[in-house]
Amino acid sequence: MTQQQLVLIHPIDPRGEKVGGIETHVRLLMQRHPDDVSVLLIGVDGRGDLTPGEVVKIKVGEREIEFLPVMAFLDDTAKHAASKLTQSLTFRFTLALLRSFRQIYKLAHRMPSSADLQRFEFAPFAKALRIPTVQVVHGEGRKDQKMDSLIKKFWYIQEANEKIAMKLANHILCVNPNIKKRIEEKFPRQSDKSEVMTVSVDTKVFSPSPFDVKDDVLKLVFTGRLDSFKDPALMFKTIKALGEKLDGKVELHYVGTSDPHRYEDFAQIEHLTIRHGFQNAAGVAKILSQVHAGIITSFFEGMPCFMLEVLSSGRPMGTIKLPQYELIVKPGTSGFFVERADTMEQSAEQLSDAFVELWSDIKAGKIEPRAVHECISPFTVDNQLPRVFKIHRQLVAAA
């Protein structure tokens, strides 16, 4: 029944522990591809037990895909941002792609194929394969903003890669309206082939459940890497302020593999923090069912999968305001926004005050998990992934 092939080019091991919004999106494409589309993932061996260059069939969720690891890059190594270009996973993966070009080219031409790309750097490689491509644009950071990745140090390379990727892509998906607006302004000739489509959330995994407020402890959650642009210091100061206002009856549940001790503010809330380490989607969903709200304090974002998963689980979000959040966070129903203040202390005070009010509303039954869940209905896997695969079918048909 297979009629075409989707080639995913991303430095991930589908069996592994690498987490983040992009990785969630790639995994959903593998898990939920339709019967008429087969999936070939060009990725990395995160466990060190596969032979680079050897295609293996594996199950991702309930679906089977083909996996071609072009190099080994253990998951423990991928947990932290690289400090040198030669240490960068993206850089090393690109070299591995080039070494494997002939093999990948043959695999890409076994049947009608298209590629789905999450990184600008891989656009020239996909173009050399001579198959149509969809470029997903996830980020909207600027060089003057805080970030740990090498993008900040080598911003000019990022700018050049973006320009090339926009020109080479057959279709462009922007995960929020701000990104599409920026693409239209910077690359007006490419605007006709771009559209907004956020990352998706799987409501079969993340479903609403009643709040448990019996122990009177406000439980907040954050999942993902503690990169600088997430502003972990503000998050930790907010938890500290909440501890003072709620007589210590607050917990921060952290799901991820970053070491929070790199931020000096963490020491003051370590006793209020529960670290869950790496969790798969089912593990995250279980934790979300046991907490009361999510927190995010980032300077910039694309569209956080974490936020969609929290809301889909019927839990409200408390955030530093970014414009795209207005698509999914409805004040009074599914959380609140706070404008970033002049100082971190002022922001923490405003956030903590808003969480105290939200906690009161939750205990009073004013926040209804099912109503929170409904806020993400346009962004579910069932609504969005069929659109993604329709685009790929159209590109293959026109090739």
Protein backbone atom coordinates (compact mmCIF):
# COMPACT_ATOMS: atom_id res chain seq x y z
CA MET A 1 0.00 0.00 0.00
CA THR A 2 3.00 2.28 0.45
CA GLN A 3 3.07 4.89 -2.28
CA GLN A 4 5.80 7.25 -1.15
CA GLN A 5 8.57 7.71 1.37
CA LEU A 6 9.12 10.43 3.95
CA VAL A 7 12.81 11.02 4.63
CA LEU A 8 13.50 12.55 8.04
CA ILE A 9 16.98 14.01 8.44
CA HIS A 10 17.64 14.83 12.08
CA PRO A 11 20.40 13.90 14.57
CA ILE A 12 18.22 11.82 16.86
CA ASP A 13 18.01 8.20 17.92
CA PRO A 14 14.30 7.27 17.99
CA ARG A 15 15.07 4.83 20.80
CA GLY A 16 16.88 7.45 22.85
CA GLU A 17 16.48 10.10 25.51
CA LYS A 18 16.96 13.32 23.60
CA VAL A 19 14.06 15.60 24.47
CA GLY A 20 12.69 18.88 23.19
CA GLY A 21 9.96 20.28 21.00
CA ILE A 22 11.73 19.41 17.75
CA GLU A 23 12.41 15.87 18.88
CA THR A 24 8.76 15.48 19.91
CA HIS A 25 7.64 16.64 16.46
CA VAL A 26 9.98 14.19 14.71
CA ARG A 27 8.83 11.33 16.91
CA LEU A 28 5.18 12.11 16.18
CA LEU A 29 5.88 11.96 12.42
CA MET A 30 7.38 8.52 12.96
CA GLN A 31 4.62 7.30 15.27
CA ARG A 32 1.63 8.59 13.33
CA HIS A 33 2.54 8.29 9.64
CA PRO A 34 -0.32 7.03 7.42
CA ASP A 35 -0.32 3.62 5.76
CA ASP A 36 0.52 4.96 2.31
CA VAL A 37 3.72 6.64 3.56
CA SER A 38 6.83 4.82 4.76
CA VAL A 39 9.38 6.61 6.95
CA LEU A 40 13.16 6.57 6.66
CA LEU A 41 14.97 8.34 9.49
CA ILE A 42 18.55 9.42 8.86
CA GLY A 43 19.83 9.90 12.39
CA VAL A 44 22.40 8.96 15.01
CA ASP A 45 23.02 5.93 17.18
CA GLY A 46 22.52 7.20 20.73
CA ARG A 47 23.30 3.89 22.43
CA GLY A 48 26.41 2.75 20.59
CA ASP A 49 24.96 -0.63 19.68
CA LEU A 50 24.30 -0.16 15.94
CA THR A 51 26.55 -0.17 12.89
CA PRO A 52 26.76 3.22 11.16
CA GLY A 53 25.56 2.91 7.57
CA GLU A 54 23.40 -0.14 8.24
CA VAL A 55 19.62 0.27 7.87
CA VAL A 56 17.54 -1.33 10.62
CA LYS A 57 13.81 -1.64 11.06
CA ILE A 58 12.50 -0.51 14.44
CA LYS A 59 9.16 0.21 16.04
CA VAL A 60 8.36 3.73 17.20
CA GLY A 61 5.19 3.51 19.19
CA GLU A 62 2.97 1.19 17.18
CA ARG A 63 4.50 1.99 13.78
CA GLU A 64 7.56 0.55 12.06
CA ILE A 65 10.16 2.74 10.39
CA GLU A 66 13.54 2.29 8.75
CA PHE A 67 16.43 3.84 10.65
CA LEU A 68 19.82 4.65 9.16
CA PRO A 69 22.32 5.83 11.79
CA VAL A 70 25.18 7.62 10.05
CA MET A 71 27.24 8.03 13.22
CA ALA A 72 27.27 7.26 16.92
CA PHE A 73 26.56 10.09 19.36
CA LEU A 74 25.66 8.85 22.83
CA ASP A 75 22.66 10.40 24.55
CA ASP A 76 24.74 11.48 27.56
CA THR A 77 26.88 13.62 25.23
CA ALA A 78 23.81 15.29 23.71
CA LYS A 79 22.41 16.54 27.02
CA HIS A 80 24.43 19.75 27.03
CA ALA A 81 25.05 22.47 24.48
CA ALA A 82 28.46 22.28 22.76
CA SER A 83 31.05 24.94 23.51
CA LYS A 84 33.10 24.42 20.31
CA LEU A 85 31.98 24.10 16.71
CA THR A 86 33.81 20.79 16.29
CA GLN A 87 31.90 19.42 19.31
CA SER A 88 28.55 20.40 17.82
CA LEU A 89 26.26 17.48 17.03
CA THR A 90 24.86 19.36 14.04
CA PHE A 91 28.36 19.93 12.62
CA ARG A 92 29.46 16.33 13.12
CA PHE A 93 26.16 14.99 11.80
CA THR A 94 26.49 17.08 8.65
CA LEU A 95 29.94 15.58 7.98
CA ALA A 96 28.50 12.11 8.53
CA LEU A 97 25.70 12.85 6.07
CA LEU A 98 28.23 13.82 3.42
CA ARG A 99 30.19 10.61 3.98
CA SER A 100 26.97 8.63 3.52
CA PHE A 101 25.62 10.62 0.58
CA ARG A 102 25.66 7.85 -2.04
CA GLN A 103 23.85 5.40 0.21
CA ILE A 104 21.24 7.96 1.27
CA TYR A 105 20.72 9.03 -2.35
CA LYS A 106 19.94 5.44 -3.35
CA LEU A 107 17.56 5.01 -0.43
CA ALA A 108 15.81 8.27 -1.26
CA HIS A 109 15.20 7.14 -4.84
CA ARG A 110 13.82 3.66 -4.16
CA MET A 111 10.36 5.21 -4.49
CA PRO A 112 8.86 8.71 -4.76
CA SER A 113 10.19 10.59 -1.73
CA SER A 114 10.19 13.92 0.06
CA ALA A 115 12.17 15.21 3.02
CA ASP A 116 11.07 16.89 6.23
CA LEU A 117 13.75 19.12 7.75
CA GLN A 118 13.93 20.73 11.19
CA ARG A 119 17.35 22.39 10.81
CA PHE A 120 18.50 24.89 8.20
CA GLU A 121 21.92 23.26 8.00
CA PHE A 122 20.58 20.16 6.25
CA ALA A 123 18.77 21.99 3.43
CA PRO A 124 21.66 21.85 0.89
CA PHE A 125 22.11 18.14 1.57
CA ALA A 126 18.41 17.45 0.98
CA LYS A 127 18.51 19.53 -2.20
CA ALA A 128 21.45 17.43 -3.43
CA LEU A 129 19.26 14.36 -2.98
CA ARG A 130 16.97 15.86 -5.63
CA ILE A 131 13.78 15.31 -3.68
CA PRO A 132 11.26 18.00 -2.59
CA THR A 133 11.59 19.30 0.96
CA VAL A 134 9.47 20.80 3.70
CA GLN A 135 11.45 23.13 5.98
CA VAL A 136 10.04 23.56 9.48
CA VAL A 137 11.12 26.76 11.24
CA HIS A 138 10.99 26.25 14.99
CA GLY A 139 12.92 29.15 16.53
CA GLU A 140 12.80 32.91 16.57
CA GLY A 141 15.73 33.89 18.75
CA ARG A 142 17.93 36.89 17.96
CA LYS A 143 21.66 37.21 18.32
CA ASP A 144 21.25 39.75 21.15
CA GLN A 145 19.25 37.29 23.28
CA LYS A 146 20.49 34.81 25.85
CA MET A 147 21.22 31.30 24.59
CA ASP A 148 23.66 28.50 25.30
CA SER A 149 23.99 27.07 21.81
CA LEU A 150 26.71 27.92 19.33
CA ILE A 151 24.12 29.85 17.27
CA LYS A 152 24.86 32.94 19.39
CA LYS A 153 28.62 32.73 18.75
CA PHE A 154 28.27 31.90 15.05
CA TRP A 155 25.17 33.95 14.30
CA TYR A 156 26.39 34.89 10.83
CA ILE A 157 26.48 31.19 9.91
CA GLN A 158 22.93 30.78 11.20
CA GLU A 159 21.81 33.75 9.09
CA ALA A 160 23.43 32.31 5.97
CA ASN A 161 21.97 28.85 6.61
CA GLU A 162 18.50 30.30 7.05
CA LYS A 163 18.73 32.27 3.81
CA ILE A 164 19.84 29.19 1.87
CA ALA A 165 17.19 26.96 3.48
CA MET A 166 14.37 29.38 2.71
CA LYS A 167 15.42 29.53 -0.92
CA LEU A 168 15.81 25.78 -1.33
CA ALA A 169 12.65 24.65 0.48
CA ASN A 170 9.62 23.65 -1.55
CA HIS A 171 7.36 24.45 1.39
CA ILE A 172 7.94 26.23 4.69
CA LEU A 173 6.09 25.57 7.95
CA CYS A 174 6.39 28.23 10.66
CA VAL A 175 5.50 27.12 14.18
CA ASN A 176 4.02 30.50 15.15
CA PRO A 177 2.70 33.63 13.38
CA ASN A 178 5.70 35.74 14.43
CA ILE A 179 8.04 33.47 12.51
CA LYS A 180 5.91 33.63 9.39
CA LYS A 181 5.85 37.42 9.61
CA ARG A 182 9.63 37.48 9.92
CA ILE A 183 10.02 35.16 6.92
CA GLU A 184 7.74 37.36 4.85
CA GLU A 185 9.76 40.46 5.77
CA LYS A 186 13.22 38.93 5.29
CA PHE A 187 12.43 36.68 2.33
CA PRO A 188 9.42 38.16 0.50
CA ARG A 189 9.95 35.89 -2.51
CA GLN A 190 9.46 32.85 -0.29
CA SER A 191 6.32 34.06 1.48
CA ASP A 192 3.91 32.31 -0.90
CA LYS A 193 5.23 28.89 0.03
CA SER A 194 5.11 29.48 3.80
CA GLU A 195 2.30 28.89 6.26
CA VAL A 196 1.77 28.68 10.01
CA MET A 197 1.52 25.26 11.58
CA THR A 198 2.51 24.73 15.20
CA VAL A 199 3.99 21.58 16.60
CA SER A 200 1.32 19.07 17.62
CA VAL A 201 0.19 17.36 20.80
CA ASP A 202 -0.98 13.77 21.08
CA THR A 203 -4.23 13.86 23.07
CA LYS A 204 -4.23 10.07 23.34
CA VAL A 205 -1.21 10.40 25.62
CA PHE A 206 -1.92 13.78 27.21
CA SER A 207 -5.53 13.82 28.41
CA PRO A 208 -7.25 15.79 31.18
CA SER A 209 -7.77 14.44 34.70
CA PRO A 210 -9.13 15.92 37.95
CA PHE A 211 -6.89 18.00 40.22
CA ASP A 212 -5.66 16.47 43.47
CA VAL A 213 -5.51 19.26 46.08
CA LYS A 214 -5.73 17.17 49.25
CA ASP A 215 -2.24 17.96 50.58
CA ASP A 216 -2.58 21.72 49.86
CA VAL A 217 0.81 21.80 48.12
CA LEU A 218 0.98 23.75 44.84
CA LYS A 219 2.86 21.56 42.37
CA LEU A 220 4.37 23.25 39.31
CA VAL A 221 6.16 21.54 36.44
CA PHE A 222 8.76 22.34 33.82
CA THR A 223 10.13 19.92 31.22
CA GLY A 224 13.07 20.33 28.86
CA ARG A 225 16.64 21.59 28.87
CA LEU A 226 17.56 24.40 31.24
CA ASP A 227 19.14 26.57 28.55
CA SER A 228 19.83 30.24 29.24
CA PHE A 229 17.06 31.46 26.95
CA LYS A 230 14.56 29.58 29.16
CA ASP A 231 15.61 31.95 31.99
CA PRO A 232 15.86 29.26 34.69
CA ALA A 233 17.04 31.87 37.20
CA LEU A 234 13.69 33.62 36.99
CA MET A 235 11.88 30.31 37.35
CA PHE A 236 13.87 29.49 40.49
CA LYS A 237 13.32 32.96 41.98
CA THR A 238 9.59 32.57 41.34
CA ILE A 239 9.52 29.24 43.20
CA LYS A 240 11.44 30.83 46.08
CA ALA A 241 8.92 33.69 46.27
CA LEU A 242 6.05 31.17 46.17
CA GLY A 243 7.63 29.21 49.00
CA GLU A 244 7.62 32.36 51.12
CA LYS A 245 4.01 33.21 50.25
CA LEU A 246 2.66 29.67 50.68
CA ASP A 247 4.61 28.73 53.83
CA GLY A 248 6.78 26.32 51.88
CA LYS A 249 3.82 24.47 50.38
CA VAL A 250 5.08 24.49 46.80
CA GLU A 251 7.00 22.03 44.64
CA LEU A 252 8.81 22.38 41.33
CA HIS A 253 8.76 19.15 39.35
CA TYR A 254 11.58 19.19 36.81
CA VAL A 255 11.53 16.67 33.96
CA GLY A 256 14.81 16.72 32.05
CA THR A 257 18.47 15.88 32.18
CA SER A 258 20.08 19.31 32.67
CA ASP A 259 21.94 20.02 35.90
CA PRO A 260 20.13 22.92 37.61
CA HIS A 261 23.10 23.52 39.93
CA ARG A 262 24.79 25.52 37.16
CA TYR A 263 22.44 28.34 38.25
CA GLU A 264 23.26 29.68 41.70
CA ASP A 265 19.59 30.50 42.40
CA PHE A 266 18.73 26.80 42.37
CA ALA A 267 20.40 26.20 45.73
CA GLN A 268 17.65 28.22 47.43
CA ILE A 269 14.86 26.01 46.08
CA GLU A 270 16.57 22.62 45.86
CA HIS A 271 14.58 21.43 48.87
CA LEU A 272 11.37 22.35 47.02
CA THR A 273 12.38 20.58 43.79
CA ILE A 274 11.65 17.06 42.63
CA ARG A 275 13.85 15.98 39.74
CA HIS A 276 12.37 13.27 37.54
CA GLY A 277 15.22 13.00 35.01
CA PHE A 278 14.45 11.70 31.54
CA GLN A 279 10.89 10.50 30.95
CA ASN A 280 9.22 9.19 27.83
CA ALA A 281 5.86 10.63 26.76
CA ALA A 282 3.90 8.26 29.01
CA GLY A 283 6.11 9.18 31.96
CA VAL A 284 5.65 12.90 31.34
CA ALA A 285 1.89 12.42 31.05
CA LYS A 286 1.79 10.64 34.41
CA ILE A 287 3.69 13.48 36.09
CA LEU A 288 1.43 16.10 34.50
CA SER A 289 -1.61 14.33 35.94
CA GLN A 290 -0.10 14.73 39.42
CA VAL A 291 0.74 18.46 39.27
CA HIS A 292 -1.42 21.59 39.14
CA ALA A 293 0.18 23.93 36.58
CA GLY A 294 3.11 24.48 34.26
CA ILE A 295 5.61 27.32 34.37
CA ILE A 296 7.68 28.81 31.57
CA THR A 297 9.82 31.96 31.75
CA SER A 298 11.62 31.97 28.39
CA PHE A 299 12.95 35.06 26.64
CA PHE A 300 11.82 33.56 23.32
CA GLU A 301 10.26 30.36 22.01
CA GLY A 302 8.81 28.83 18.88
CA MET A 303 5.76 26.98 20.16
CA PRO A 304 6.71 24.83 23.16
CA CYS A 305 5.53 21.21 22.99
CA PHE A 306 5.77 21.28 26.77
CA MET A 307 3.09 23.95 26.96
CA LEU A 308 0.77 22.07 24.62
CA GLU A 309 1.25 18.88 26.64
CA VAL A 310 0.52 20.64 29.93
CA LEU A 311 -2.67 22.22 28.59
CA SER A 312 -3.75 19.00 26.89
CA SER A 313 -3.42 17.34 30.31
CA GLY A 314 -5.91 19.84 31.70
CA ARG A 315 -3.33 21.83 33.61
CA PRO A 316 -3.09 25.65 33.25
CA MET A 317 0.09 27.52 32.36
CA GLY A 318 1.73 30.47 34.10
CA THR A 319 4.12 32.29 31.75
CA ILE A 320 6.15 35.32 30.91
CA LYS A 321 4.13 36.64 28.00
CA LEU A 322 5.12 35.91 24.42
CA PRO A 323 2.66 36.77 21.61
CA GLN A 324 2.22 33.21 20.33
CA TYR A 325 1.04 32.02 23.74
CA GLU A 326 -2.20 33.90 23.16
CA LEU A 327 -3.14 31.17 20.67
CA ILE A 328 -3.43 28.59 23.44
CA VAL A 329 -3.42 30.23 26.89
CA LYS A 330 -6.76 31.86 27.74
CA PRO A 331 -6.57 33.97 30.93
CA GLY A 332 -9.20 32.88 33.41
CA THR A 333 -9.60 29.51 31.71
CA SER A 334 -6.19 27.96 31.07
CA GLY A 335 -3.67 30.13 32.88
CA PHE A 336 -2.15 33.60 32.83
CA PHE A 337 0.48 35.85 31.26
CA VAL A 338 2.83 38.23 33.04
CA GLU A 339 4.79 40.90 31.18
CA ARG A 340 8.54 40.71 31.79
CA ALA A 341 9.39 43.48 34.26
CA ASP A 342 12.46 45.71 34.43
CA THR A 343 14.16 43.45 36.97
CA MET A 344 14.14 39.71 37.57
CA GLU A 345 12.97 40.29 41.13
CA GLN A 346 9.93 42.24 39.92
CA SER A 347 9.10 39.55 37.37
CA ALA A 348 9.37 36.85 40.04
CA GLU A 349 7.09 38.83 42.33
CA GLN A 350 4.45 39.25 39.62
CA LEU A 351 4.63 35.61 38.60
CA SER A 352 4.41 34.34 42.18
CA ASP A 353 1.43 36.60 42.93
CA ALA A 354 -0.34 35.31 39.82
CA PHE A 355 0.38 31.69 40.79
CA VAL A 356 -1.05 32.28 44.29
CA GLU A 357 -4.25 33.55 42.67
CA LEU A 358 -4.29 30.64 40.19
CA TRP A 359 -3.83 28.17 43.05
CA SER A 360 -6.79 29.71 44.85
CA ASP A 361 -8.91 29.36 41.70
CA ILE A 362 -7.87 25.71 41.27
CA LYS A 363 -8.82 24.84 44.86
CA ALA A 364 -12.13 26.70 44.44
CA GLY A 365 -12.95 24.67 41.32
CA LYS A 366 -12.81 27.69 39.00
CA ILE A 367 -10.26 26.03 36.69
CA GLU A 368 -11.82 23.05 34.91
CA PRO A 369 -9.37 20.53 33.38
CA ARG A 370 -11.63 19.73 30.43
CA ALA A 371 -11.95 23.44 29.57
CA VAL A 372 -8.15 23.81 29.76
CA HIS A 373 -7.77 20.82 27.43
CA GLU A 374 -10.17 22.31 24.86
CA CYS A 375 -7.85 25.30 24.36
CA ILE A 376 -5.43 23.11 22.39
CA SER A 377 -8.01 21.41 20.15
CA PRO A 378 -6.74 23.07 16.92
CA PHE A 379 -3.21 21.84 17.62
CA THR A 380 -3.77 18.12 18.09
CA VAL A 381 -1.99 15.39 16.16
CA ASP A 382 -5.30 14.37 14.57
CA ASN A 383 -5.90 17.89 13.25
CA GLN A 384 -2.38 18.82 12.15
CA LEU A 385 -0.41 15.78 11.01
CA PRO A 386 -2.83 15.00 8.17
CA ARG A 387 -2.04 18.48 6.85
CA VAL A 388 1.70 17.75 7.02
CA PHE A 389 1.39 14.52 5.08
CA LYS A 390 -0.97 16.15 2.56
CA ILE A 391 1.72 18.72 1.80
CA HIS A 392 4.28 15.95 1.27
CA ARG A 393 1.89 14.07 -1.05
CA GLN A 394 1.35 17.21 -3.11
CA LEU A 395 5.09 17.90 -3.38
CA VAL A 396 5.81 14.34 -4.51
CA ALA A 397 2.96 14.46 -7.05
CA ALA A 398 4.33 17.71 -8.49
CA ALA A 399 7.97 16.56 -8.59
